[in-house]
Amino acid sequence: MEIHESLEYFLQNLRLENVASKATVEDYREDFKIFLRSFPDVKDTKDLDEDMIPTFLREEDNNGMAAATILRRYSFLRHYFNFLSAEGIRKGRPISYDDKPKPAKRLPVVIDEEDINRLFAMPDLTKDNGIRDRAMLEVMYATGLRVSELLSLQFKNVNLTDGLVTVYGKGNKERTVPISSFALEYLEKYVNGPRARNPGHRSNVLFLNREGKPISRNYFFVQVKRYAAAAGIEASISPHTLRHCFATHLLENGASLRAVQEMLGHAKIATTQIYTEVSTRRIMSAYDLYASRK
């Protein structure tokens, strides 16, 4: 059977059995188009081979495709291949769900302290929103808070005198994290300046937009991207990158894994251990660069 005809036959079956929404059908059609780009010689169902699936998925993973997308494409291809076999259109072994790929473990993106300094220099400190954004960047990097924890941080939970932040993280678990003197400096500038004259200054939430409402996750994401581009940082970073940097830079400077785990609010130390691998790779990369110049 001609390859595109076989796809339409498969999708028609899904629609008739009401096992896939219109959106899912369109996703599958796009997934199939992408799959065929990897195998341009496939014109007929007799050209298909089960080994094409892991080959294709490895290629997708190497291209940085999200794990959820890779698993969706695997699910589609497994059902498609098995459908053709069940209909007698092609011969081949059934593809089991247990054959699903294990996405490669990707290490968090981390930038060095020089890039951190360039990023933090981008907010315009002559403007209220610039002072606020600088304070947000400093606090996140100094404490390792999750984005959601930063944006929902309560004014009453920040102790400017002792330099401590009390956070209620996942599962409403409480933890107290120290703030560096650098972060405190900009946090105090924000609290005593832009926030004091903000229309929402009576709000419980610490970081507010110009209307006096809590900062949105999307706003902060866009701002970090904009500042990174202005700073000439090539790595694709987001607000969460600052949490990764906090953990990695602490470990590189001798902090214990257990202490970093507690400050990050990780329930399991295994979650924190990934940063030791990031740190080791960064150190070895620097060594390799040094050695190549000798």
Protein backbone atom coordinates (compact mmCIF):
# COMPACT_ATOMS: atom_id res chain seq x y z
CA MET A 1 0.00 0.00 0.00
CA GLU A 2 1.24 3.51 -0.81
CA ILE A 3 2.67 5.04 2.36
CA HIS A 4 0.46 8.13 2.61
CA GLU A 5 -2.60 6.06 1.79
CA SER A 6 -1.73 3.73 4.67
CA LEU A 7 -1.58 6.67 7.07
CA GLU A 8 -5.01 7.93 6.02
CA TYR A 9 -6.39 4.42 6.43
CA PHE A 10 -4.97 4.29 9.96
CA LEU A 11 -6.30 7.75 10.87
CA GLN A 12 -9.71 6.94 9.44
CA ASN A 13 -9.84 3.92 11.73
CA LEU A 14 -9.02 6.10 14.72
CA ARG A 15 -11.82 8.52 13.84
CA LEU A 16 -14.35 5.72 13.31
CA GLU A 17 -13.53 4.18 16.69
CA ASN A 18 -13.52 7.62 18.37
CA VAL A 19 -10.20 6.92 20.07
CA ALA A 20 -8.49 10.13 18.99
CA SER A 21 -9.53 13.76 18.89
CA LYS A 22 -9.25 15.92 15.80
CA ALA A 23 -6.22 17.65 17.33
CA THR A 24 -4.53 14.32 18.01
CA VAL A 25 -5.15 13.17 14.45
CA GLU A 26 -3.50 16.34 13.15
CA ASP A 27 -0.57 15.83 15.52
CA TYR A 28 -0.15 12.29 14.20
CA ARG A 29 -0.24 13.51 10.61
CA GLU A 30 2.52 16.02 11.38
CA ASP A 31 4.52 13.40 13.30
CA PHE A 32 4.34 11.08 10.29
CA LYS A 33 5.56 13.83 7.98
CA ILE A 34 8.57 14.37 10.25
CA PHE A 35 9.19 10.61 10.46
CA LEU A 36 9.29 10.32 6.65
CA ARG A 37 11.84 13.12 6.39
CA SER A 38 14.29 10.77 8.10
CA PHE A 39 13.51 8.01 5.59
CA PRO A 40 12.93 9.69 2.21
CA ASP A 41 13.14 6.35 0.35
CA VAL A 42 10.01 5.00 2.05
CA LYS A 43 7.27 5.05 -0.58
CA ASP A 44 5.29 1.93 0.29
CA THR A 45 4.39 0.04 3.45
CA LYS A 46 6.69 -2.81 2.36
CA ASP A 47 9.58 -0.35 2.83
CA LEU A 48 8.85 0.03 6.54
CA ASP A 49 11.01 -1.67 9.13
CA GLU A 50 10.61 -1.75 12.93
CA ASP A 51 14.23 -0.66 13.40
CA MET A 52 13.33 2.68 11.83
CA ILE A 53 11.47 3.65 15.00
CA PRO A 54 14.40 3.63 17.47
CA THR A 55 16.64 5.18 14.80
CA PHE A 56 14.17 8.02 14.30
CA LEU A 57 13.65 8.57 18.03
CA ARG A 58 17.39 8.69 18.74
CA GLU A 59 17.69 11.32 16.03
CA GLU A 60 14.88 13.32 17.62
CA ASP A 61 16.54 13.10 21.03
CA ASN A 62 19.89 14.22 19.59
CA ASN A 63 18.10 17.20 18.07
CA GLY A 64 16.95 18.24 21.53
CA MET A 65 13.29 17.33 21.11
CA ALA A 66 11.28 17.32 24.34
CA ALA A 67 10.82 13.95 26.03
CA ALA A 68 7.02 14.28 25.95
CA THR A 69 7.08 14.84 22.18
CA ILE A 70 9.39 11.87 21.62
CA LEU A 71 7.11 9.59 23.64
CA ARG A 72 4.04 10.82 21.75
CA ARG A 73 5.72 10.09 18.42
CA TYR A 74 6.74 6.66 19.67
CA SER A 75 3.14 5.94 20.74
CA PHE A 76 1.83 7.01 17.34
CA LEU A 77 4.37 4.94 15.39
CA ARG A 78 3.81 1.87 17.57
CA HIS A 79 0.05 1.99 16.99
CA TYR A 80 0.51 2.71 13.29
CA PHE A 81 2.95 -0.18 12.70
CA ASN A 82 0.84 -2.60 14.76
CA PHE A 83 -2.33 -1.54 12.94
CA LEU A 84 -0.74 -2.28 9.57
CA SER A 85 0.40 -5.69 10.83
CA ALA A 86 -3.05 -6.51 12.23
CA GLU A 87 -4.65 -5.56 8.92
CA GLY A 88 -2.21 -7.75 7.00
CA ILE A 89 -0.81 -4.74 5.16
CA ARG A 90 2.74 -5.39 6.30
CA LYS A 91 4.65 -8.18 7.96
CA GLY A 92 6.61 -7.66 11.11
CA ARG A 93 6.75 -8.36 14.82
CA PRO A 94 4.31 -6.57 17.13
CA ILE A 95 5.89 -3.57 18.81
CA SER A 96 5.42 -3.77 22.56
CA TYR A 97 4.81 -0.82 24.86
CA ASP A 98 7.85 -2.05 26.80
CA ASP A 99 9.96 -1.11 23.77
CA LYS A 100 9.33 2.58 24.45
CA PRO A 101 12.52 4.65 24.51
CA LYS A 102 14.09 6.06 27.63
CA PRO A 103 14.81 9.73 26.96
CA ALA A 104 18.43 10.68 27.50
CA LYS A 105 19.11 12.46 30.76
CA ARG A 106 19.73 16.09 29.90
CA LEU A 107 21.82 18.14 32.23
CA PRO A 108 20.45 21.53 33.30
CA VAL A 109 21.66 24.59 31.40
CA VAL A 110 24.11 26.53 33.56
CA ILE A 111 25.92 29.76 32.72
CA ASP A 112 29.12 30.94 34.39
CA GLU A 113 29.44 33.77 36.87
CA GLU A 114 30.67 36.17 34.20
CA ASP A 115 27.44 35.64 32.23
CA ILE A 116 25.45 36.02 35.44
CA ASN A 117 27.06 39.41 36.03
CA ARG A 118 26.34 40.51 32.44
CA LEU A 119 22.73 39.35 32.72
CA PHE A 120 22.19 41.20 36.00
CA ALA A 121 23.61 44.41 34.54
CA MET A 122 20.84 44.59 31.92
CA PRO A 123 17.85 45.92 33.93
CA ASP A 124 17.63 49.74 33.76
CA LEU A 125 18.11 50.91 37.35
CA THR A 126 16.82 54.38 36.51
CA LYS A 127 13.35 52.84 36.20
CA ASP A 128 11.15 51.24 38.85
CA ASN A 129 10.65 48.04 36.87
CA GLY A 130 14.41 47.78 36.33
CA ILE A 131 15.11 47.98 40.06
CA ARG A 132 12.40 45.37 40.69
CA ASP A 133 13.68 43.02 37.97
CA ARG A 134 17.26 43.29 39.25
CA ALA A 135 16.02 42.45 42.76
CA MET A 136 14.12 39.43 41.41
CA LEU A 137 17.16 38.16 39.53
CA GLU A 138 19.43 38.65 42.53
CA VAL A 139 17.03 36.96 44.96
CA MET A 140 16.46 33.97 42.70
CA TYR A 141 20.16 33.41 42.11
CA ALA A 142 21.01 33.97 45.79
CA THR A 143 18.37 31.61 47.17
CA GLY A 144 17.71 29.02 44.44
CA LEU A 145 13.96 29.55 44.71
CA ARG A 146 11.67 27.98 42.14
CA VAL A 147 10.01 30.52 39.84
CA SER A 148 6.63 29.85 41.46
CA GLU A 149 8.16 30.37 44.91
CA LEU A 150 9.74 33.67 43.90
CA LEU A 151 6.59 35.08 42.32
CA SER A 152 4.38 34.09 45.26
CA LEU A 153 6.89 35.18 47.92
CA GLN A 154 5.11 36.95 50.77
CA PHE A 155 6.46 40.28 52.02
CA LYS A 156 6.14 39.06 55.62
CA ASN A 157 8.36 36.05 54.91
CA VAL A 158 11.40 38.16 54.01
CA ASN A 159 13.61 39.13 56.94
CA LEU A 160 15.77 41.99 55.66
CA THR A 161 17.50 42.39 59.04
CA ASP A 162 18.77 38.81 59.31
CA GLY A 163 18.94 38.17 55.56
CA LEU A 164 16.56 35.20 55.53
CA VAL A 165 13.67 34.10 53.32
CA THR A 166 11.02 31.64 54.46
CA VAL A 167 9.55 29.66 51.60
CA TYR A 168 6.62 27.29 51.30
CA GLY A 169 7.54 24.94 48.47
CA LYS A 170 6.11 21.76 47.02
CA GLY A 171 3.73 20.00 49.37
CA ASN A 172 3.60 23.25 51.38
CA LYS A 173 6.90 22.29 53.01
CA GLU A 174 8.55 25.18 54.80
CA ARG A 175 12.24 25.99 54.46
CA THR A 176 14.36 29.00 55.35
CA VAL A 177 17.10 30.15 52.99
CA PRO A 178 19.75 32.85 53.58
CA ILE A 179 20.05 35.78 51.15
CA SER A 180 23.43 37.12 50.08
CA SER A 181 24.43 40.70 50.82
CA PHE A 182 24.33 41.44 47.07
CA ALA A 183 20.71 40.34 46.81
CA LEU A 184 19.79 42.17 50.01
CA GLU A 185 21.19 45.40 48.61
CA TYR A 186 18.90 45.34 45.58
CA LEU A 187 15.97 43.93 47.51
CA GLU A 188 16.16 46.85 49.95
CA LYS A 189 16.36 49.31 47.04
CA TYR A 190 13.20 47.79 45.63
CA VAL A 191 11.31 47.59 48.93
CA ASN A 192 12.18 51.13 50.01
CA GLY A 193 11.70 52.62 46.55
CA PRO A 194 9.48 51.21 43.77
CA ARG A 195 7.48 48.92 46.04
CA ALA A 196 6.82 51.59 48.67
CA ARG A 197 5.22 53.82 46.05
CA ASN A 198 3.48 51.03 44.14
CA PRO A 199 -0.36 51.22 44.18
CA GLY A 200 -0.37 47.70 45.62
CA HIS A 201 2.10 48.44 48.43
CA ARG A 202 -0.34 46.95 50.97
CA SER A 203 -0.31 43.62 49.12
CA ASN A 204 1.10 40.54 50.85
CA VAL A 205 3.00 39.58 47.67
CA LEU A 206 6.53 40.98 47.46
CA PHE A 207 7.05 41.49 43.73
CA LEU A 208 4.36 43.58 42.01
CA ASN A 209 3.71 44.96 38.54
CA ARG A 210 2.91 48.63 37.93
CA GLU A 211 -0.79 48.00 38.62
CA GLY A 212 0.01 46.58 42.03
CA LYS A 213 -0.67 42.97 41.08
CA PRO A 214 1.68 39.95 41.39
CA ILE A 215 4.21 39.52 38.58
CA SER A 216 3.12 36.88 36.09
CA ARG A 217 5.28 33.88 35.24
CA ASN A 218 5.13 34.79 31.55
CA TYR A 219 6.35 38.35 32.19
CA PHE A 220 9.38 37.17 34.13
CA PHE A 221 10.17 34.52 31.51
CA VAL A 222 10.06 37.09 28.70
CA GLN A 223 12.15 39.59 30.67
CA VAL A 224 14.90 37.07 31.42
CA LYS A 225 15.01 36.11 27.73
CA ARG A 226 15.18 39.78 26.75
CA TYR A 227 17.96 40.57 29.23
CA ALA A 228 19.93 37.49 28.14
CA ALA A 229 19.72 38.54 24.49
CA ALA A 230 20.81 42.08 25.37
CA ALA A 231 23.75 40.67 27.35
CA GLY A 232 24.83 38.57 24.38
CA ILE A 233 24.35 35.28 26.22
CA GLU A 234 24.09 32.54 23.61
CA ALA A 235 22.76 29.78 25.88
CA SER A 236 18.99 29.33 25.89
CA ILE A 237 18.12 30.33 29.44
CA SER A 238 14.98 30.92 31.46
CA PRO A 239 14.28 32.05 35.03
CA HIS A 240 14.74 28.45 36.19
CA THR A 241 18.32 28.59 34.89
CA LEU A 242 19.14 30.81 37.86
CA ARG A 243 18.10 28.00 40.22
CA HIS A 244 20.39 25.62 38.33
CA CYS A 245 23.23 28.15 38.54
CA PHE A 246 22.67 28.64 42.27
CA ALA A 247 23.06 24.90 42.95
CA THR A 248 25.97 24.30 40.57
CA HIS A 249 27.99 27.32 41.66
CA LEU A 250 27.51 26.42 45.35
CA LEU A 251 28.84 22.90 44.75
CA GLU A 252 31.75 24.22 42.72
CA ASN A 253 32.67 26.45 45.65
CA GLY A 254 32.69 23.63 48.19
CA ALA A 255 29.12 23.51 49.56
CA SER A 256 27.93 20.09 50.72
CA LEU A 257 25.37 18.20 48.67
CA ARG A 258 23.09 17.89 51.73
CA ALA A 259 23.14 21.65 52.35
CA VAL A 260 22.28 22.38 48.70
CA GLN A 261 19.47 19.81 48.86
CA GLU A 262 17.96 21.56 51.87
CA MET A 263 18.19 25.02 50.32
CA LEU A 264 16.62 23.81 47.07
CA GLY A 265 13.83 22.03 48.94
CA HIS A 266 14.43 18.69 47.21
CA ALA A 267 12.71 15.76 48.92
CA LYS A 268 15.35 13.31 47.64
CA ILE A 269 19.08 13.88 47.49
CA ALA A 270 19.18 12.00 44.16
CA THR A 271 17.40 14.99 42.59
CA THR A 272 20.19 17.26 43.79
CA GLN A 273 22.98 14.94 42.65
CA ILE A 274 22.49 15.87 39.00
CA TYR A 275 24.22 19.17 39.82
CA THR A 276 27.39 17.35 40.82
CA GLU A 277 27.55 16.02 37.27
CA VAL A 278 26.99 19.51 35.85
CA SER A 279 29.72 20.87 38.11
CA THR A 280 32.19 18.09 37.19
CA ARG A 281 31.60 18.60 33.48
CA ARG A 282 32.13 22.34 33.80
CA ILE A 283 35.40 21.82 35.66
CA MET A 284 36.65 19.23 33.14
CA SER A 285 35.65 21.47 30.25
CA ALA A 286 37.76 24.27 31.72
CA TYR A 287 40.66 21.86 32.25
CA ASP A 288 40.43 20.58 28.67
CA LEU A 289 40.49 24.16 27.38
CA TYR A 290 43.54 24.91 29.53
CA ALA A 291 45.32 21.74 28.42
CA SER A 292 44.67 22.46 24.74
CA ARG A 293 46.50 25.77 25.07
CA LYS A 294 49.63 24.30 26.66
